[in-house]
All heavy atoms as atom14 arrays in JSON, in Angstrom:
{
  "sequence": "SSFAIAWFRQAPGKEREFVAAITWSAGNAYYADSVKGRFAI",
  "atom14_mask": [
    [1, 1, 1, 1, 1, 1, 0, 0, 0, 0, 0, 0, 0, 0],
    [1, 1, 1, 1, 1, 1, 0, 0, 0, 0, 0, 0, 0, 0],
    [1, 1, 1, 1, 1, 1, 1, 1, 1, 1, 1, 0, 0, 0],
    [1, 1, 1, 1, 1, 0, 0, 0, 0, 0, 0, 0, 0, 0],
    [1, 1, 1, 1, 1, 1, 1, 1, 0, 0, 0, 0, 0, 0],
    [1, 1, 1, 1, 1, 0, 0, 0, 0, 0, 0, 0, 0, 0],
    [1, 1, 1, 1, 1, 1, 1, 1, 1, 1, 1, 1, 1, 1],
    [1, 1, 1, 1, 1, 1, 1, 1, 1, 1, 1, 0, 0, 0],
    [1, 1, 1, 1, 1, 1, 1, 1, 1, 1, 1, 0, 0, 0],
    [1, 1, 1, 1, 1, 1, 1, 1, 1, 0, 0, 0, 0, 0],
    [1, 1, 1, 1, 1, 0, 0, 0, 0, 0, 0, 0, 0, 0],
    [1, 1, 1, 1, 1, 1, 1, 0, 0, 0, 0, 0, 0, 0],
    [1, 1, 1, 1, 0, 0, 0, 0, 0, 0, 0, 0, 0, 0],
    [1, 1, 1, 1, 1, 1, 1, 1, 1, 0, 0, 0, 0, 0],
    [1, 1, 1, 1, 1, 1, 1, 1, 1, 0, 0, 0, 0, 0],
    [1, 1, 1, 1, 1, 1, 1, 1, 1, 1, 1, 0, 0, 0],
    [1, 1, 1, 1, 1, 1, 1, 1, 1, 0, 0, 0, 0, 0],
    [1, 1, 1, 1, 1, 1, 1, 1, 1, 1, 1, 0, 0, 0],
    [1, 1, 1, 1, 1, 1, 1, 0, 0, 0, 0, 0, 0, 0],
    [1, 1, 1, 1, 1, 0, 0, 0, 0, 0, 0, 0, 0, 0],
    [1, 1, 1, 1, 1, 0, 0, 0, 0, 0, 0, 0, 0, 0],
    [1, 1, 1, 1, 1, 1, 1, 1, 0, 0, 0, 0, 0, 0],
    [1, 1, 1, 1, 1, 1, 1, 0, 0, 0, 0, 0, 0, 0],
    [1, 1, 1, 1, 1, 1, 1, 1, 1, 1, 1, 1, 1, 1],
    [1, 1, 1, 1, 1, 1, 0, 0, 0, 0, 0, 0, 0, 0],
    [1, 1, 1, 1, 1, 0, 0, 0, 0, 0, 0, 0, 0, 0],
    [1, 1, 1, 1, 0, 0, 0, 0, 0, 0, 0, 0, 0, 0],
    [1, 1, 1, 1, 1, 1, 1, 1, 0, 0, 0, 0, 0, 0],
    [1, 1, 1, 1, 1, 0, 0, 0, 0, 0, 0, 0, 0, 0],
    [1, 1, 1, 1, 1, 1, 1, 1, 1, 1, 1, 1, 0, 0],
    [1, 1, 1, 1, 1, 1, 1, 1, 1, 1, 1, 1, 0, 0],
    [1, 1, 1, 1, 1, 0, 0, 0, 0, 0, 0, 0, 0, 0],
    [1, 1, 1, 1, 1, 1, 1, 1, 0, 0, 0, 0, 0, 0],
    [1, 1, 1, 1, 1, 1, 0, 0, 0, 0, 0, 0, 0, 0],
    [1, 1, 1, 1, 1, 1, 1, 0, 0, 0, 0, 0, 0, 0],
    [1, 1, 1, 1, 1, 1, 1, 1, 1, 0, 0, 0, 0, 0],
    [1, 1, 1, 1, 0, 0, 0, 0, 0, 0, 0, 0, 0, 0],
    [1, 1, 1, 1, 1, 1, 1, 1, 1, 1, 1, 0, 0, 0],
    [1, 1, 1, 1, 1, 1, 1, 1, 1, 1, 1, 0, 0, 0],
    [1, 1, 1, 1, 1, 0, 0, 0, 0, 0, 0, 0, 0, 0],
    [1, 1, 1, 1, 1, 1, 1, 1, 0, 0, 0, 0, 0, 0]
  ],
  "atom14_positions": [
    [[9.15, -4.68, -13.81], [8.83, -3.28, -14.12], [7.36, -3.16, -14.64], [6.83, -1.99, -14.67], [9.8, -2.78, -15.18], [9.73, -3.52, -16.39], [0.0, 0.0, 0.0], [0.0, 0.0, 0.0], [0.0, 0.0, 0.0], [0.0, 0.0, 0.0], [0.0, 0.0, 0.0], [0.0, 0.0, 0.0], [0.0, 0.0, 0.0], [0.0, 0.0, 0.0]],
    [[6.74, -4.23, -15.04], [5.38, -4.19, -15.54], [4.38, -4.42, -14.45], [3.17, -4.31, -14.73], [5.17, -5.19, -16.67], [5.26, -6.54, -16.16], [0.0, 0.0, 0.0], [0.0, 0.0, 0.0], [0.0, 0.0, 0.0], [0.0, 0.0, 0.0], [0.0, 0.0, 0.0], [0.0, 0.0, 0.0], [0.0, 0.0, 0.0], [0.0, 0.0, 0.0]],
    [[4.83, -4.68, -13.27], [3.94, -5.0, -12.18], [3.64, -3.76, -11.26], [4.55, -3.0, -10.97], [4.52, -6.09, -11.23], [4.67, -7.46, -11.85], [5.48, -8.41, -11.21], [4.0, -7.81, -13.01], [5.59, -9.64, -11.82], [4.14, -9.02, -13.56], [4.92, -9.94, -12.97], [0.0, 0.0, 0.0], [0.0, 0.0, 0.0], [0.0, 0.0, 0.0]],
    [[2.4, -3.67, -10.86], [2.1, -2.81, -9.75], [2.41, -3.57, -8.49], [2.19, -4.79, -8.38], [0.61, -2.41, -9.8], [0.0, 0.0, 0.0], [0.0, 0.0, 0.0], [0.0, 0.0, 0.0], [0.0, 0.0, 0.0], [0.0, 0.0, 0.0], [0.0, 0.0, 0.0], [0.0, 0.0, 0.0], [0.0, 0.0, 0.0], [0.0, 0.0, 0.0]],
    [[2.95, -2.91, -7.5], [3.33, -3.47, -6.2], [2.54, -2.87, -5.12], [2.32, -1.66, -5.15], [4.86, -3.28, -6.0], [5.66, -3.86, -7.09], [5.18, -3.94, -4.59], [5.54, -5.35, -7.27], [0.0, 0.0, 0.0], [0.0, 0.0, 0.0], [0.0, 0.0, 0.0], [0.0, 0.0, 0.0], [0.0, 0.0, 0.0], [0.0, 0.0, 0.0]],
    [[2.11, -3.71, -4.16], [1.31, -3.19, -3.05], [1.73, -3.89, -1.79], [2.33, -4.94, -1.81], [-0.21, -3.42, -3.31], [0.0, 0.0, 0.0], [0.0, 0.0, 0.0], [0.0, 0.0, 0.0], [0.0, 0.0, 0.0], [0.0, 0.0, 0.0], [0.0, 0.0, 0.0], [0.0, 0.0, 0.0], [0.0, 0.0, 0.0], [0.0, 0.0, 0.0]],
    [[1.36, -3.29, -0.68], [1.57, -3.85, 0.62], [0.23, -3.87, 1.35], [-0.54, -2.9, 1.34], [2.51, -3.02, 1.45], [3.9, -3.11, 1.02], [4.56, -2.27, 0.16], [4.87, -4.05, 1.4], [5.82, -2.63, -0.08], [6.1, -3.75, 0.64], [4.88, -5.16, 2.23], [7.28, -4.5, 0.77], [6.06, -5.89, 2.32], [7.22, -5.56, 1.64]],
    [[-0.09, -5.05, 1.94], [-1.26, -5.23, 2.79], [-0.78, -5.71, 4.13], [0.37, -6.13, 4.26], [-2.19, -6.26, 2.19], [-2.87, -5.77, 0.94], [-2.21, -5.82, -0.33], [-4.22, -5.38, 0.93], [-2.86, -5.38, -1.48], [-4.84, -4.94, -0.18], [-4.16, -4.94, -1.43], [0.0, 0.0, 0.0], [0.0, 0.0, 0.0], [0.0, 0.0, 0.0]],
    [[-1.64, -5.58, 5.14], [-1.3, -6.11, 6.42], [-2.51, -6.73, 7.16], [-3.6, -6.43, 6.8], [-0.68, -5.0, 7.32], [-1.66, -3.89, 7.7], [-1.02, -2.75, 8.41], [-1.95, -1.71, 8.84], [-1.6, -0.56, 9.37], [-0.25, -0.32, 9.56], [-2.48, 0.34, 9.74], [0.0, 0.0, 0.0], [0.0, 0.0, 0.0], [0.0, 0.0, 0.0]],
    [[-2.18, -7.64, 8.06], [-3.24, -8.31, 8.79], [-2.78, -8.46, 10.25], [-1.81, -9.1, 10.49], [-3.59, -9.64, 8.18], [-4.78, -10.31, 8.82], [-5.33, -11.45, 8.0], [-4.61, -12.05, 7.23], [-6.64, -11.79, 8.19], [0.0, 0.0, 0.0], [0.0, 0.0, 0.0], [0.0, 0.0, 0.0], [0.0, 0.0, 0.0], [0.0, 0.0, 0.0]],
    [[-3.54, -7.79, 11.13], [-3.27, -7.92, 12.52], [-4.1, -9.03, 13.17], [-5.17, -9.45, 12.56], [-3.62, -6.62, 13.24], [0.0, 0.0, 0.0], [0.0, 0.0, 0.0], [0.0, 0.0, 0.0], [0.0, 0.0, 0.0], [0.0, 0.0, 0.0], [0.0, 0.0, 0.0], [0.0, 0.0, 0.0], [0.0, 0.0, 0.0], [0.0, 0.0, 0.0]],
    [[-3.7, -9.6, 14.27], [-4.43, -10.65, 14.93], [-5.93, -10.28, 15.18], [-6.16, -9.19, 15.7], [-3.72, -10.9, 16.22], [-2.31, -10.5, 15.98], [-2.49, -9.28, 15.02], [0.0, 0.0, 0.0], [0.0, 0.0, 0.0], [0.0, 0.0, 0.0], [0.0, 0.0, 0.0], [0.0, 0.0, 0.0], [0.0, 0.0, 0.0], [0.0, 0.0, 0.0]],
    [[-6.84, -11.15, 14.77], [-8.25, -10.85, 14.97], [-8.83, -9.78, 14.02], [-10.01, -9.44, 14.25], [0.0, 0.0, 0.0], [0.0, 0.0, 0.0], [0.0, 0.0, 0.0], [0.0, 0.0, 0.0], [0.0, 0.0, 0.0], [0.0, 0.0, 0.0], [0.0, 0.0, 0.0], [0.0, 0.0, 0.0], [0.0, 0.0, 0.0], [0.0, 0.0, 0.0]],
    [[-8.09, -9.29, 13.07], [-8.55, -8.32, 12.21], [-8.48, -8.78, 10.72], [-7.75, -9.76, 10.38], [-7.77, -7.01, 12.27], [-7.88, -6.35, 13.68], [-7.15, -5.07, 13.71], [-7.75, -3.98, 12.83], [-7.03, -2.69, 12.98], [0.0, 0.0, 0.0], [0.0, 0.0, 0.0], [0.0, 0.0, 0.0], [0.0, 0.0, 0.0], [0.0, 0.0, 0.0]],
    [[-9.25, -8.16, 9.83], [-9.23, -8.49, 8.42], [-7.99, -7.87, 7.74], [-7.39, -6.91, 8.23], [-10.44, -7.91, 7.74], [-11.75, -8.51, 8.24], [-12.99, -7.95, 7.51], [-12.84, -7.06, 6.69], [-14.08, -8.42, 7.82], [0.0, 0.0, 0.0], [0.0, 0.0, 0.0], [0.0, 0.0, 0.0], [0.0, 0.0, 0.0], [0.0, 0.0, 0.0]],
    [[-7.57, -8.49, 6.7], [-6.48, -7.98, 5.94], [-6.83, -6.53, 5.41], [-8.02, -6.33, 4.92], [-6.22, -8.88, 4.67], [-5.07, -8.42, 3.83], [-4.88, -9.3, 2.61], [-6.06, -9.33, 1.81], [-6.27, -10.19, 0.81], [-5.35, -11.13, 0.58], [-7.45, -10.12, 0.1], [0.0, 0.0, 0.0], [0.0, 0.0, 0.0], [0.0, 0.0, 0.0]],
    [[-5.95, -5.56, 5.48], [-6.21, -4.25, 5.0], [-5.1, -3.71, 4.11], [-3.93, -4.09, 4.21], [-6.46, -3.3, 6.21], [-5.22, -3.1, 7.08], [-5.43, -2.06, 8.16], [-6.43, -1.33, 8.1], [-4.6, -2.02, 9.08], [0.0, 0.0, 0.0], [0.0, 0.0, 0.0], [0.0, 0.0, 0.0], [0.0, 0.0, 0.0], [0.0, 0.0, 0.0]],
    [[-5.55, -2.84, 3.22], [-4.63, -2.24, 2.28], [-3.76, -1.24, 3.04], [-4.17, -0.52, 3.93], [-5.42, -1.51, 1.2], [-4.57, -0.6, 0.34], [-3.78, -1.07, -0.6], [-4.66, 0.72, 0.51], [-3.01, -0.26, -1.48], [-3.92, 1.62, -0.28], [-3.09, 1.06, -1.26], [0.0, 0.0, 0.0], [0.0, 0.0, 0.0], [0.0, 0.0, 0.0]],
    [[-2.47, -1.17, 2.62], [-1.52, -0.23, 3.23], [-1.05, 0.76, 2.16], [-1.2, 1.99, 2.36], [-0.28, -0.95, 3.83], [0.73, 0.08, 4.37], [-0.72, -1.88, 4.84], [0.0, 0.0, 0.0], [0.0, 0.0, 0.0], [0.0, 0.0, 0.0], [0.0, 0.0, 0.0], [0.0, 0.0, 0.0], [0.0, 0.0, 0.0], [0.0, 0.0, 0.0]],
    [[-0.53, 0.28, 1.08], [0.09, 1.17, 0.03], [0.22, 0.41, -1.24], [0.36, -0.79, -1.31], [1.38, 1.77, 0.49], [0.0, 0.0, 0.0], [0.0, 0.0, 0.0], [0.0, 0.0, 0.0], [0.0, 0.0, 0.0], [0.0, 0.0, 0.0], [0.0, 0.0, 0.0], [0.0, 0.0, 0.0], [0.0, 0.0, 0.0], [0.0, 0.0, 0.0]],
    [[0.25, 1.19, -2.34], [0.46, 0.54, -3.64], [1.18, 1.56, -4.57], [1.07, 2.77, -4.4], [-0.8, 0.12, -4.37], [0.0, 0.0, 0.0], [0.0, 0.0, 0.0], [0.0, 0.0, 0.0], [0.0, 0.0, 0.0], [0.0, 0.0, 0.0], [0.0, 0.0, 0.0], [0.0, 0.0, 0.0], [0.0, 0.0, 0.0], [0.0, 0.0, 0.0]],
    [[1.99, 1.01, -5.48], [2.65, 1.9, -6.52], [2.54, 1.21, -7.85], [2.71, -0.04, -8.0], [4.14, 2.09, -6.16], [4.78, 3.09, -7.05], [4.93, 0.75, -6.08], [6.17, 3.58, -6.54], [0.0, 0.0, 0.0], [0.0, 0.0, 0.0], [0.0, 0.0, 0.0], [0.0, 0.0, 0.0], [0.0, 0.0, 0.0], [0.0, 0.0, 0.0]],
    [[2.19, 1.94, -8.87], [1.95, 1.4, -10.2], [3.3, 1.06, -10.87], [4.35, 1.44, -10.43], [1.16, 2.41, -11.09], [1.91, 3.66, -11.18], [-0.2, 2.66, -10.5], [0.0, 0.0, 0.0], [0.0, 0.0, 0.0], [0.0, 0.0, 0.0], [0.0, 0.0, 0.0], [0.0, 0.0, 0.0], [0.0, 0.0, 0.0], [0.0, 0.0, 0.0]],
    [[3.17, 0.33, -12.0], [4.39, -0.18, -12.64], [5.35, 0.91, -13.12], [6.51, 0.72, -13.12], [3.96, -1.04, -13.86], [3.29, -0.21, -15.0], [1.97, 0.0, -15.15], [3.95, 0.42, -16.09], [1.8, 0.78, -16.27], [2.97, 1.05, -16.86], [5.28, 0.49, -16.46], [3.23, 1.78, -17.95], [5.57, 1.25, -17.58], [4.6, 1.85, -18.37]],
    [[4.74, 2.05, -13.5], [5.61, 3.16, -13.93], [6.1, 4.03, -12.79], [6.91, 4.89, -12.99], [4.76, 4.05, -14.88], [3.75, 4.67, -14.16], [0.0, 0.0, 0.0], [0.0, 0.0, 0.0], [0.0, 0.0, 0.0], [0.0, 0.0, 0.0], [0.0, 0.0, 0.0], [0.0, 0.0, 0.0], [0.0, 0.0, 0.0], [0.0, 0.0, 0.0]],
    [[5.67, 3.72, -11.52], [5.98, 4.47, -10.36], [5.44, 5.88, -10.46], [5.81, 6.81, -9.67], [7.46, 4.53, -10.08], [0.0, 0.0, 0.0], [0.0, 0.0, 0.0], [0.0, 0.0, 0.0], [0.0, 0.0, 0.0], [0.0, 0.0, 0.0], [0.0, 0.0, 0.0], [0.0, 0.0, 0.0], [0.0, 0.0, 0.0], [0.0, 0.0, 0.0]],
    [[4.54, 6.13, -11.41], [3.98, 7.46, -11.56], [2.86, 7.73, -10.58], [2.47, 8.9, -10.44], [0.0, 0.0, 0.0], [0.0, 0.0, 0.0], [0.0, 0.0, 0.0], [0.0, 0.0, 0.0], [0.0, 0.0, 0.0], [0.0, 0.0, 0.0], [0.0, 0.0, 0.0], [0.0, 0.0, 0.0], [0.0, 0.0, 0.0], [0.0, 0.0, 0.0]],
    [[2.27, 6.7, -9.98], [1.18, 6.93, -9.05], [1.4, 5.99, -7.83], [1.78, 4.84, -7.92], [-0.15, 6.48, -9.72], [-0.51, 7.5, -10.82], [-0.82, 8.69, -10.57], [-0.43, 7.06, -12.04], [0.0, 0.0, 0.0], [0.0, 0.0, 0.0], [0.0, 0.0, 0.0], [0.0, 0.0, 0.0], [0.0, 0.0, 0.0], [0.0, 0.0, 0.0]],
    [[1.1, 6.57, -6.69], [1.09, 5.78, -5.43], [-0.13, 6.1, -4.62], [-0.73, 7.13, -4.72], [2.37, 6.22, -4.62], [0.0, 0.0, 0.0], [0.0, 0.0, 0.0], [0.0, 0.0, 0.0], [0.0, 0.0, 0.0], [0.0, 0.0, 0.0], [0.0, 0.0, 0.0], [0.0, 0.0, 0.0], [0.0, 0.0, 0.0], [0.0, 0.0, 0.0]],
    [[-0.58, 5.07, -3.91], [-1.79, 5.16, -3.1], [-1.49, 4.69, -1.73], [-0.77, 3.76, -1.5], [-2.86, 4.3, -3.76], [-3.04, 4.58, -5.26], [-2.38, 3.85, -6.2], [-3.85, 5.68, -5.66], [-2.53, 4.13, -7.56], [-3.98, 5.9, -7.03], [-3.34, 5.15, -7.94], [-3.44, 5.46, -9.3], [0.0, 0.0, 0.0], [0.0, 0.0, 0.0]],
    [[-2.15, 5.37, -0.73], [-1.94, 5.01, 0.66], [-3.23, 4.97, 1.42], [-4.2, 5.71, 1.09], [-1.06, 6.07, 1.35], [0.28, 6.18, 0.75], [0.59, 7.1, -0.23], [1.33, 5.35, 1.25], [1.94, 7.13, -0.75], [2.61, 5.43, 0.73], [2.92, 6.32, -0.24], [4.19, 6.42, -0.75], [0.0, 0.0, 0.0], [0.0, 0.0, 0.0]],
    [[-3.32, 4.0, 2.34], [-4.41, 4.01, 3.28], [-4.34, 5.32, 4.12], [-3.25, 5.78, 4.48], [-4.42, 2.83, 4.19], [0.0, 0.0, 0.0], [0.0, 0.0, 0.0], [0.0, 0.0, 0.0], [0.0, 0.0, 0.0], [0.0, 0.0, 0.0], [0.0, 0.0, 0.0], [0.0, 0.0, 0.0], [0.0, 0.0, 0.0], [0.0, 0.0, 0.0]],
    [[-5.47, 5.84, 4.5], [-5.56, 7.04, 5.32], [-4.76, 6.83, 6.66], [-4.15, 7.8, 7.14], [-6.97, 7.4, 5.64], [-7.68, 7.98, 4.45], [-7.04, 8.41, 3.51], [-8.96, 8.02, 4.46], [0.0, 0.0, 0.0], [0.0, 0.0, 0.0], [0.0, 0.0, 0.0], [0.0, 0.0, 0.0], [0.0, 0.0, 0.0], [0.0, 0.0, 0.0]],
    [[-4.76, 5.6, 7.14], [-4.12, 5.36, 8.42], [-2.59, 5.48, 8.41], [-1.99, 5.6, 9.45], [-4.49, 3.99, 8.95], [-4.09, 2.98, 8.05], [0.0, 0.0, 0.0], [0.0, 0.0, 0.0], [0.0, 0.0, 0.0], [0.0, 0.0, 0.0], [0.0, 0.0, 0.0], [0.0, 0.0, 0.0], [0.0, 0.0, 0.0], [0.0, 0.0, 0.0]],
    [[-2.02, 5.41, 7.23], [-0.56, 5.42, 7.11], [-0.1, 6.65, 6.24], [1.17, 6.87, 6.24], [0.02, 4.17, 6.49], [-0.48, 2.94, 7.28], [-0.37, 4.04, 5.02], [0.0, 0.0, 0.0], [0.0, 0.0, 0.0], [0.0, 0.0, 0.0], [0.0, 0.0, 0.0], [0.0, 0.0, 0.0], [0.0, 0.0, 0.0], [0.0, 0.0, 0.0]],
    [[-0.96, 7.41, 5.69], [-0.57, 8.54, 4.87], [0.23, 9.55, 5.68], [-0.12, 9.91, 6.83], [-1.83, 9.18, 4.31], [-1.53, 10.17, 3.17], [-2.85, 10.66, 2.48], [-3.56, 9.43, 1.85], [-4.83, 9.89, 1.13], [0.0, 0.0, 0.0], [0.0, 0.0, 0.0], [0.0, 0.0, 0.0], [0.0, 0.0, 0.0], [0.0, 0.0, 0.0]],
    [[1.34, 9.92, 5.08], [2.24, 10.84, 5.8], [3.28, 10.18, 6.63], [4.27, 10.8, 7.07], [0.0, 0.0, 0.0], [0.0, 0.0, 0.0], [0.0, 0.0, 0.0], [0.0, 0.0, 0.0], [0.0, 0.0, 0.0], [0.0, 0.0, 0.0], [0.0, 0.0, 0.0], [0.0, 0.0, 0.0], [0.0, 0.0, 0.0], [0.0, 0.0, 0.0]],
    [[3.12, 8.9, 6.95], [4.05, 8.18, 7.75], [4.81, 7.08, 6.95], [6.02, 6.85, 7.19], [3.34, 7.46, 8.9], [2.69, 8.42, 9.83], [2.18, 7.71, 11.13], [1.22, 6.7, 10.77], [1.32, 5.39, 11.08], [2.43, 4.97, 11.66], [0.32, 4.55, 10.82], [0.0, 0.0, 0.0], [0.0, 0.0, 0.0], [0.0, 0.0, 0.0]],
    [[4.11, 6.48, 5.97], [4.72, 5.41, 5.2], [4.98, 5.92, 3.79], [4.25, 6.83, 3.27], [3.8, 4.25, 5.08], [3.64, 3.4, 6.33], [4.1, 3.91, 7.57], [2.9, 2.23, 6.35], [3.9, 3.18, 8.77], [2.73, 1.49, 7.49], [3.22, 1.98, 8.7], [0.0, 0.0, 0.0], [0.0, 0.0, 0.0], [0.0, 0.0, 0.0]],
    [[5.98, 5.35, 3.14], [6.27, 5.69, 1.75], [6.6, 4.41, 0.99], [7.44, 3.61, 1.37], [7.4, 6.69, 1.67], [0.0, 0.0, 0.0], [0.0, 0.0, 0.0], [0.0, 0.0, 0.0], [0.0, 0.0, 0.0], [0.0, 0.0, 0.0], [0.0, 0.0, 0.0], [0.0, 0.0, 0.0], [0.0, 0.0, 0.0], [0.0, 0.0, 0.0]],
    [[5.89, 4.19, -0.19], [6.21, 3.08, -1.03], [7.08, 3.47, -2.17], [6.91, 4.56, -2.71], [4.86, 2.45, -1.51], [5.14, 1.09, -2.17], [4.09, 3.36, -2.4], [3.86, 0.31, -2.47], [0.0, 0.0, 0.0], [0.0, 0.0, 0.0], [0.0, 0.0, 0.0], [0.0, 0.0, 0.0], [0.0, 0.0, 0.0], [0.0, 0.0, 0.0]]
  ]
}
């Protein structure tokens, strides 16, 4: 419950990129523009 949780992804031949994150309180969530509106953390 004290941890912020995030998801990253890495495609073949590409750099690791941020996908989404949620803070420990679940009060704030952040999304990459490429997944906003499609993914939910």
